[in-house]
């Protein structure tokens, strides 16, 4: 069906890298076959590049909803362009909007807005006091304590009272205990106002809820080594618990904070100790982390200077991957898992039939979506390269060892959506 497009490169499959040619349809956007390299393909990538199944970032804040109040930060189009800039071809957007998607009408109204994006957007529905599950399958997000927005719980009792209605659902948790946050709110530093004990305590309660109500649980933007050990123990006990880690918590720790940059490195949960960062990196290398997810929070420069929490990240996703591989010895197979396969498995149950078998694999019947990384072309992060409407990155002035050579979303090359 349609015109067959041929792409040749070093393809990253499960446990192997092979130089092959992919045939896919320009009409359906689906992969049709994979063969030995053909002569004169439509697109050919050099030996310096690896072609991964399309990267997915399953934790972003695109900021757009029906009110339009926060589109000065980001909208679905600019978020999609930032994603493609970072080699990301599908994202999942969080629900802490002025009008959070907590029921069918609010969810559908936000879903309609995502159509302007050049990449696919999966929406989380929000869980808040007295909400109920939607009538159709969606992923859910719960903020266990106050963060950005008003969709959160003030006590574990009220959280459990609501979460019992979501038995068996896919629920992602922002793990910070509300009572500990309240007790520490007068501390002078942001990092001490949101201490590691808040994450560890909330983790224990989230694991209890996952077991008690048979949830498919995911713990978001994990930051502490001790808490990670609780997750590992829960898995050994047979609980379906997965976790994310952000580029920020893998690259920075509290020793990086200075009087000049502390506002730019402010986030929830905050940066932790060098020991915590080392544990997280070791966990990535050993396969204990399930997702590399940015928690992309595109606040304006003016808001960051005033002390709002959150870091803009989508534009640098692929370049950061090269740092993990070249500087931290993370294998291509691990990157394939945490950036491609696992994010695909997370969103695929919510896709419509046009995506075939979905995202996350280079195989016939799957979406022709690819992230092409060049490991011989360093990338200097600068303001002029940022597609996010926020216009900034915590990595400005830094040079990553490699860069995003190209990205394809469902059979369409990223330059078809704009200038790159």
Protein backbone atom coordinates (compact mmCIF):
# COMPACT_ATOMS: atom_id res chain seq x y z
CA UNK A 1 0.00 0.00 0.00
CA UNK A 2 1.36 3.41 -0.95
CA UNK A 3 4.89 4.08 -2.09
CA UNK A 4 7.51 1.86 -0.51
CA UNK A 5 10.25 3.85 1.24
CA UNK A 6 13.62 2.20 1.85
CA UNK A 7 15.91 3.09 4.74
CA UNK A 8 19.32 1.51 5.29
CA UNK A 9 21.39 1.75 8.45
CA UNK A 10 22.77 -0.01 11.49
CA UNK A 11 19.50 -1.10 13.07
CA UNK A 12 19.29 -1.80 16.80
CA UNK A 13 17.35 -5.01 17.35
CA UNK A 14 17.02 -7.03 20.55
CA UNK A 15 20.56 -8.03 21.59
CA UNK A 16 22.09 -7.25 18.19
CA UNK A 17 22.96 -4.49 15.75
CA UNK A 18 22.76 -5.32 12.05
CA UNK A 19 23.06 -3.29 8.87
CA UNK A 20 19.75 -3.84 7.12
CA UNK A 21 17.22 -2.12 4.89
CA UNK A 22 13.72 -1.35 6.15
CA UNK A 23 10.83 -1.14 3.67
CA UNK A 24 7.83 0.81 4.87
CA UNK A 25 4.71 2.32 3.34
CA UNK A 26 4.35 6.05 2.82
CA UNK A 27 0.58 5.60 3.09
CA UNK A 28 0.14 3.38 6.15
CA UNK A 29 3.31 4.41 7.99
CA UNK A 30 3.91 0.75 8.84
CA UNK A 31 7.03 -1.38 8.36
CA UNK A 32 6.51 -3.98 5.60
CA UNK A 33 9.76 -5.94 5.51
CA UNK A 34 13.41 -5.93 6.54
CA UNK A 35 16.08 -7.24 4.20
CA UNK A 36 19.82 -7.28 3.64
CA UNK A 37 21.02 -3.88 2.42
CA UNK A 38 19.74 -2.92 -1.04
CA UNK A 39 21.53 -0.73 -3.55
CA UNK A 40 20.49 2.93 -3.68
CA UNK A 41 17.96 3.06 -0.85
CA UNK A 42 15.90 6.21 -0.45
CA UNK A 43 17.79 7.08 2.74
CA UNK A 44 21.07 5.63 3.97
CA UNK A 45 22.79 6.36 7.27
CA UNK A 46 26.54 6.03 7.77
CA UNK A 47 28.35 3.59 10.02
CA UNK A 48 28.61 6.42 12.58
CA UNK A 49 24.88 6.17 13.25
CA UNK A 50 22.60 3.78 15.08
CA UNK A 51 18.94 3.49 14.08
CA UNK A 52 16.81 2.76 17.15
CA UNK A 53 13.09 2.04 17.26
CA UNK A 54 11.54 5.45 17.82
CA UNK A 55 12.26 6.90 21.26
CA UNK A 56 9.30 7.58 23.55
CA UNK A 57 9.23 9.99 26.48
CA UNK A 58 6.35 8.90 28.69
CA UNK A 59 6.53 11.81 31.14
CA UNK A 60 6.21 15.36 29.80
CA UNK A 61 4.19 18.46 30.61
CA UNK A 62 3.05 20.00 27.32
CA UNK A 63 0.96 22.56 29.26
CA UNK A 64 -1.92 22.94 26.78
CA UNK A 65 -5.57 22.50 27.76
CA UNK A 66 -8.89 24.09 26.81
CA UNK A 67 -8.19 27.23 28.85
CA UNK A 68 -5.05 28.10 26.88
CA UNK A 69 -3.68 29.69 30.06
CA UNK A 70 -0.27 28.00 29.83
CA UNK A 71 0.41 27.84 26.09
CA UNK A 72 2.92 30.66 26.52
CA UNK A 73 5.08 27.93 28.12
CA UNK A 74 4.35 25.22 25.55
CA UNK A 75 1.57 23.86 23.38
CA UNK A 76 1.16 20.49 21.73
CA UNK A 77 2.76 21.64 18.48
CA UNK A 78 5.88 23.13 20.10
CA UNK A 79 6.18 20.11 22.39
CA UNK A 80 6.07 17.85 19.35
CA UNK A 81 8.74 19.88 17.57
CA UNK A 82 10.95 19.79 20.67
CA UNK A 83 10.43 16.03 20.80
CA UNK A 84 11.50 15.53 17.18
CA UNK A 85 14.47 17.81 17.83
CA UNK A 86 15.49 15.40 20.56
CA UNK A 87 14.85 12.32 18.44
CA UNK A 88 11.60 11.47 20.29
CA UNK A 89 8.61 10.29 18.23
CA UNK A 90 5.90 9.82 20.85
CA UNK A 91 5.27 11.31 24.28
CA UNK A 92 2.83 10.94 27.18
CA UNK A 93 1.50 14.15 28.71
CA UNK A 94 0.71 14.70 32.37
CA UNK A 95 -2.67 15.97 33.63
CA UNK A 96 -1.81 18.83 36.03
CA UNK A 97 -3.48 21.51 33.89
CA UNK A 98 -5.78 24.37 34.89
CA UNK A 99 -8.60 22.08 33.71
CA UNK A 100 -7.21 18.62 34.49
CA UNK A 101 -8.49 15.68 32.40
CA UNK A 102 -10.26 13.71 35.13
CA UNK A 103 -13.43 12.56 33.34
CA UNK A 104 -14.59 11.79 29.80
CA UNK A 105 -15.48 15.37 28.71
CA UNK A 106 -12.30 16.99 30.06
CA UNK A 107 -10.14 14.13 28.74
CA UNK A 108 -11.68 14.29 25.26
CA UNK A 109 -11.42 18.08 25.07
CA UNK A 110 -7.70 17.83 25.77
CA UNK A 111 -7.34 14.85 23.40
CA UNK A 112 -8.77 16.96 20.57
CA UNK A 113 -6.02 19.54 21.09
CA UNK A 114 -3.24 16.96 20.65
CA UNK A 115 -4.03 16.58 16.95
CA UNK A 116 -1.87 19.62 16.16
CA UNK A 117 1.26 17.80 17.36
CA UNK A 118 3.72 16.38 14.80
CA UNK A 119 4.22 13.31 17.06
CA UNK A 120 1.78 11.04 18.84
CA UNK A 121 0.66 12.16 22.30
CA UNK A 122 -0.79 9.80 24.87
CA UNK A 123 -2.67 11.55 27.66
CA UNK A 124 -2.68 10.59 31.31
CA UNK A 125 -5.95 11.12 33.14
CA UNK A 126 -5.63 12.74 36.54
CA UNK A 127 -6.52 11.19 39.86
CA UNK A 128 -7.60 13.67 42.50
CA UNK A 129 -9.90 13.75 45.52
CA UNK A 130 -13.20 12.05 44.62
CA UNK A 131 -12.36 11.33 40.95
CA UNK A 132 -13.43 8.07 39.31
CA UNK A 133 -11.99 5.95 36.46
CA UNK A 134 -12.93 6.78 32.89
CA UNK A 135 -15.15 4.43 30.90
CA UNK A 136 -12.35 3.52 28.50
CA UNK A 137 -8.73 2.48 29.14
CA UNK A 138 -6.22 5.28 29.79
CA UNK A 139 -3.10 5.62 31.95
CA UNK A 140 -3.56 7.56 35.20
CA UNK A 141 -1.32 9.87 37.21
CA UNK A 142 -1.56 10.66 40.91
CA UNK A 143 0.36 13.39 42.75
CA UNK A 144 0.73 12.08 46.29
CA UNK A 145 1.62 15.56 47.59
CA UNK A 146 1.63 19.16 46.32
CA UNK A 147 3.75 19.93 43.26
CA UNK A 148 2.92 22.15 40.27
CA UNK A 149 -0.84 22.58 39.92
CA UNK A 150 -3.81 21.82 42.16
CA UNK A 151 -4.30 18.11 41.42
CA UNK A 152 -2.90 16.45 44.55
CA UNK A 153 -3.75 14.86 47.89
CA UNK A 154 -3.19 16.30 51.34
CA UNK A 155 -3.16 12.98 53.18
CA UNK A 156 -2.59 9.30 52.55
CA UNK A 157 -6.04 8.53 53.93
CA UNK A 158 -7.80 10.61 51.29
CA UNK A 159 -5.53 9.15 48.61
CA UNK A 160 -6.43 5.57 49.53
CA UNK A 161 -10.10 6.44 49.73
CA UNK A 162 -9.93 7.51 46.09
CA UNK A 163 -7.43 4.96 44.75
CA UNK A 164 -9.61 2.02 45.81
CA UNK A 165 -11.91 3.04 42.93
CA UNK A 166 -9.06 2.45 40.44
CA UNK A 167 -8.42 -1.20 41.24
CA UNK A 168 -6.55 -2.93 38.40
CA UNK A 169 -5.72 0.28 36.53
CA UNK A 170 -2.36 1.60 35.28
CA UNK A 171 -1.40 4.30 37.78
CA UNK A 172 1.79 6.37 37.86
CA UNK A 173 2.80 7.93 41.17
CA UNK A 174 4.63 11.16 41.97
CA UNK A 175 6.11 9.93 45.25
CA UNK A 176 6.43 12.72 47.83
CA UNK A 177 4.71 12.34 51.19
CA UNK A 178 2.41 15.33 51.88
CA UNK A 179 2.88 15.31 55.65
CA UNK A 180 6.68 15.38 55.40
CA UNK A 181 6.49 18.18 52.83
CA UNK A 182 4.29 20.15 55.18
CA UNK A 183 6.66 19.59 58.10
CA UNK A 184 9.69 20.73 56.06
CA UNK A 185 8.17 23.68 54.24
CA UNK A 186 10.11 26.24 56.34
CA UNK A 187 13.54 24.88 55.44
CA UNK A 188 15.72 27.48 53.68
CA UNK A 189 16.72 25.34 50.66
CA UNK A 190 14.35 23.78 48.15
CA UNK A 191 16.21 20.47 48.40
CA UNK A 192 15.60 20.37 52.16
CA UNK A 193 11.97 21.40 51.83
CA UNK A 194 11.45 18.23 49.76
CA UNK A 195 13.80 15.78 51.55
CA UNK A 196 14.63 12.27 50.43
CA UNK A 197 12.56 10.92 53.33
CA UNK A 198 9.43 12.29 51.58
CA UNK A 199 10.17 10.15 48.52
CA UNK A 200 11.09 7.05 50.51
CA UNK A 201 7.99 7.23 52.72
CA UNK A 202 5.70 7.86 49.75
CA UNK A 203 7.32 4.98 47.87
CA UNK A 204 6.41 2.60 50.65
CA UNK A 205 2.79 3.77 50.59
CA UNK A 206 2.63 3.62 46.77
CA UNK A 207 3.89 0.02 46.84
CA UNK A 208 1.26 -0.81 49.46
CA UNK A 209 -1.46 0.67 47.21
CA UNK A 210 -0.15 -1.18 44.16
CA UNK A 211 -0.33 -4.49 46.00
CA UNK A 212 -3.60 -3.83 47.84
CA UNK A 213 -5.54 -2.65 44.77
CA UNK A 214 -3.77 -4.74 42.11
CA UNK A 215 -2.53 -1.69 40.25
CA UNK A 216 -0.10 -1.70 37.38
CA UNK A 217 2.17 0.78 39.13
CA UNK A 218 4.85 3.12 37.84
CA UNK A 219 6.91 5.40 40.07
CA UNK A 220 7.83 8.63 38.32
CA UNK A 221 11.15 10.52 38.07
CA UNK A 222 12.88 8.45 40.72
CA UNK A 223 15.71 10.21 42.57
CA UNK A 224 16.86 8.26 45.66
CA UNK A 225 18.98 5.15 46.05
CA UNK A 226 17.29 3.95 49.21
CA UNK A 227 13.86 4.24 47.64
CA UNK A 228 15.07 2.33 44.60
CA UNK A 229 15.94 -0.57 46.85
CA UNK A 230 12.31 -0.68 47.99
CA UNK A 231 11.20 -0.91 44.36
CA UNK A 232 13.62 -3.77 43.71
CA UNK A 233 12.34 -5.64 46.77
CA UNK A 234 8.75 -5.17 45.61
CA UNK A 235 9.61 -6.63 42.21
CA UNK A 236 11.25 -9.64 43.82
CA UNK A 237 7.98 -10.14 45.69
CA UNK A 238 6.20 -10.28 42.34
CA UNK A 239 4.59 -6.83 42.27
CA UNK A 240 4.20 -5.11 38.86
CA UNK A 241 6.22 -2.01 39.77
CA UNK A 242 8.24 -0.03 37.21
CA UNK A 243 10.12 3.24 37.55
CA UNK A 244 11.41 6.20 35.56
CA UNK A 245 14.57 8.22 35.94
CA UNK A 246 15.23 11.64 34.41
CA UNK A 247 18.31 12.98 32.62
CA UNK A 248 18.54 15.62 35.36
CA UNK A 249 18.86 13.15 38.21
CA UNK A 250 21.40 11.09 36.25
CA UNK A 251 23.60 14.04 35.23
CA UNK A 252 23.40 16.45 38.19
CA UNK A 253 23.46 16.17 41.96
CA UNK A 254 23.43 18.70 44.81
CA UNK A 255 27.15 19.42 44.44
CA UNK A 256 26.37 21.02 41.05
CA UNK A 257 24.13 23.67 42.60
CA UNK A 258 25.54 27.20 42.82
CA UNK A 259 24.00 30.55 43.78
CA UNK A 260 23.86 31.33 40.04
CA UNK A 261 22.15 28.16 38.79
CA UNK A 262 20.08 26.95 41.74
CA UNK A 263 16.80 28.21 40.32
CA UNK A 264 17.50 26.60 36.95
CA UNK A 265 18.17 23.25 38.65
CA UNK A 266 15.10 23.40 40.88
CA UNK A 267 12.67 20.53 40.36
CA UNK A 268 10.31 18.17 42.20
CA UNK A 269 11.74 15.84 43.40
CA UNK A 270 14.95 17.84 43.82
CA UNK A 271 18.52 16.86 43.11
CA UNK A 272 19.96 14.40 45.60
CA UNK A 273 23.43 13.40 46.79
CA UNK A 274 26.30 12.17 44.58
CA UNK A 275 25.74 8.73 46.13
CA UNK A 276 22.10 8.73 45.01
CA UNK A 277 23.13 9.74 41.48
CA UNK A 278 25.71 6.95 41.34
CA UNK A 279 23.13 4.38 42.47
CA UNK A 280 20.72 5.55 39.75
CA UNK A 281 23.40 5.35 37.05
CA UNK A 282 24.41 1.89 38.22
CA UNK A 283 20.74 0.88 38.12
CA UNK A 284 20.42 2.10 34.54
CA UNK A 285 23.49 0.12 33.48
CA UNK A 286 22.26 -3.03 35.21
CA UNK A 287 18.75 -2.87 33.76
CA UNK A 288 16.88 -1.95 36.94
CA UNK A 289 15.42 1.27 35.50
CA UNK A 290 12.51 0.87 33.07
CA UNK A 291 12.21 4.29 31.43
CA UNK A 292 14.34 7.30 30.60
CA UNK A 293 11.65 9.98 31.00
CA UNK A 294 12.41 13.69 31.05
CA UNK A 295 9.62 15.21 33.19
CA UNK A 296 9.90 18.00 30.58
CA UNK A 297 8.58 21.12 32.33
CA UNK A 298 8.84 24.08 29.94
CA UNK A 299 8.47 27.06 32.26
CA UNK A 300 9.49 30.44 30.95
CA UNK A 301 12.81 32.02 31.88
CA UNK A 302 10.98 34.61 33.96
CA UNK A 303 9.20 31.89 35.94
CA UNK A 304 12.43 30.01 36.55
CA UNK A 305 14.10 33.15 37.84
CA UNK A 306 11.24 33.48 40.34
CA UNK A 307 11.80 29.94 41.62
CA UNK A 308 9.22 27.69 39.97
CA UNK A 309 10.13 23.98 39.88
CA UNK A 310 10.68 22.03 36.67
CA UNK A 311 13.28 21.60 33.92
CA UNK A 312 12.95 21.81 30.12
CA UNK A 313 14.36 18.65 28.53
CA UNK A 314 12.76 17.28 25.35
CA UNK A 315 15.18 18.95 22.91
CA UNK A 316 18.20 17.20 24.42
CA UNK A 317 16.82 13.67 24.86
CA UNK A 318 18.82 12.03 22.05
CA UNK A 319 22.02 13.94 22.75
CA UNK A 320 21.78 12.89 26.39
CA UNK A 321 21.51 9.26 25.25
CA UNK A 322 24.94 9.62 23.63
CA UNK A 323 26.34 10.77 26.99
CA UNK A 324 24.88 7.71 28.69
CA UNK A 325 26.43 5.42 26.11
CA UNK A 326 29.81 7.09 25.57
CA UNK A 327 30.54 8.50 29.02
CA UNK A 328 28.66 6.11 31.30
CA UNK A 329 29.03 2.83 29.36
CA UNK A 330 25.29 2.21 29.00
CA UNK A 331 24.78 -0.41 26.28
CA UNK A 332 22.79 0.08 23.08
CA UNK A 333 20.54 -2.77 24.23
CA UNK A 334 19.73 -0.94 27.48
CA UNK A 335 18.98 2.27 25.56
CA UNK A 336 16.71 0.29 23.23
CA UNK A 337 14.82 -1.01 26.26
CA UNK A 338 14.43 2.17 28.33
CA UNK A 339 13.98 4.63 25.44
CA UNK A 340 12.15 2.54 22.82
CA UNK A 341 10.69 -0.84 23.77
CA UNK A 342 9.43 -0.11 27.29
CA UNK A 343 7.88 3.29 26.43
CA UNK A 344 6.23 1.61 23.44
CA UNK A 345 4.81 -1.13 25.64
CA UNK A 346 3.47 1.54 28.00
CA UNK A 347 1.51 3.48 25.34
CA UNK A 348 0.63 0.74 22.84
CA UNK A 349 -2.53 -0.42 24.69
CA UNK A 350 -4.00 3.05 24.15
CA UNK A 351 -3.22 3.45 20.42
CA UNK A 352 -5.71 3.18 17.60
CA UNK A 353 -5.33 0.73 14.72
CA UNK A 354 -3.48 3.14 12.41
CA UNK A 355 -0.29 2.43 14.39
CA UNK A 356 -0.42 -1.30 13.66
CA UNK A 357 1.40 -3.18 16.40
CA UNK A 358 2.57 0.14 17.85
CA UNK A 359 5.87 1.72 18.83
CA UNK A 360 9.05 0.17 20.19
CA UNK A 361 10.28 -2.39 17.65
CA UNK A 362 11.75 -2.45 14.15
CA UNK A 363 9.71 -5.29 12.69
CA UNK A 364 6.96 -5.81 10.06
CA UNK A 365 3.59 -4.52 11.19
CA UNK A 366 5.05 -1.98 13.62
CA UNK A 367 5.08 1.80 13.21
CA UNK A 368 7.84 3.06 10.93
CA UNK A 369 9.18 5.34 13.65
CA UNK A 370 12.94 5.64 14.14
CA UNK A 371 15.46 7.63 16.19
CA UNK A 372 18.80 7.97 14.43
CA UNK A 373 21.77 8.83 16.65
CA UNK A 374 25.17 9.93 15.31
CA UNK A 375 27.97 9.07 17.73
CA UNK A 376 30.68 10.96 15.82
CA UNK A 377 28.94 14.35 15.66
CA UNK A 378 29.20 16.23 19.00
CA UNK A 379 26.32 18.48 20.00
CA UNK A 380 26.79 21.87 21.70
CA UNK A 381 23.58 22.85 23.49
CA UNK A 382 22.62 26.47 22.84
CA UNK A 383 19.46 28.58 23.00
CA UNK A 384 19.15 28.86 19.23
CA UNK A 385 18.79 25.07 18.90
CA UNK A 386 15.85 24.77 21.29
CA UNK A 387 12.44 24.10 19.71
CA UNK A 388 10.53 24.15 23.00
CA UNK A 389 8.65 27.39 23.54
CA UNK A 390 10.44 27.67 26.89
CA UNK A 391 13.63 28.51 24.98
CA UNK A 392 16.13 27.16 27.51
CA UNK A 393 17.88 24.00 28.69
CA UNK A 394 19.80 23.10 31.86
CA UNK A 395 22.54 21.81 29.54
CA UNK A 396 23.19 25.15 27.78
CA UNK A 397 26.89 25.52 27.02
CA UNK A 398 27.59 21.79 27.42
CA UNK A 399 28.74 19.55 24.59
CA UNK A 400 27.40 16.03 24.33
CA UNK A 401 29.54 13.41 22.56
CA UNK A 402 26.91 12.72 19.88
CA UNK A 403 23.72 14.09 18.40
CA UNK A 404 20.39 13.30 16.77
CA UNK A 405 21.01 12.67 13.09
CA UNK A 406 17.36 12.18 12.18
CA UNK A 407 13.94 11.06 13.39
CA UNK A 408 10.98 9.45 11.66
CA UNK A 409 7.42 9.48 12.95
CA UNK A 410 5.12 6.87 11.43
CA UNK A 411 6.75 6.96 8.01
CA UNK A 412 7.39 10.71 7.89
CA UNK A 413 10.84 12.23 8.27
CA UNK A 414 11.14 15.04 10.81
CA UNK A 415 12.08 17.73 8.27
CA UNK A 416 8.60 17.26 6.75
CA UNK A 417 7.22 18.95 9.88
CA UNK A 418 9.60 21.95 9.91
CA UNK A 419 13.21 23.07 9.88
CA UNK A 420 15.81 20.96 11.68
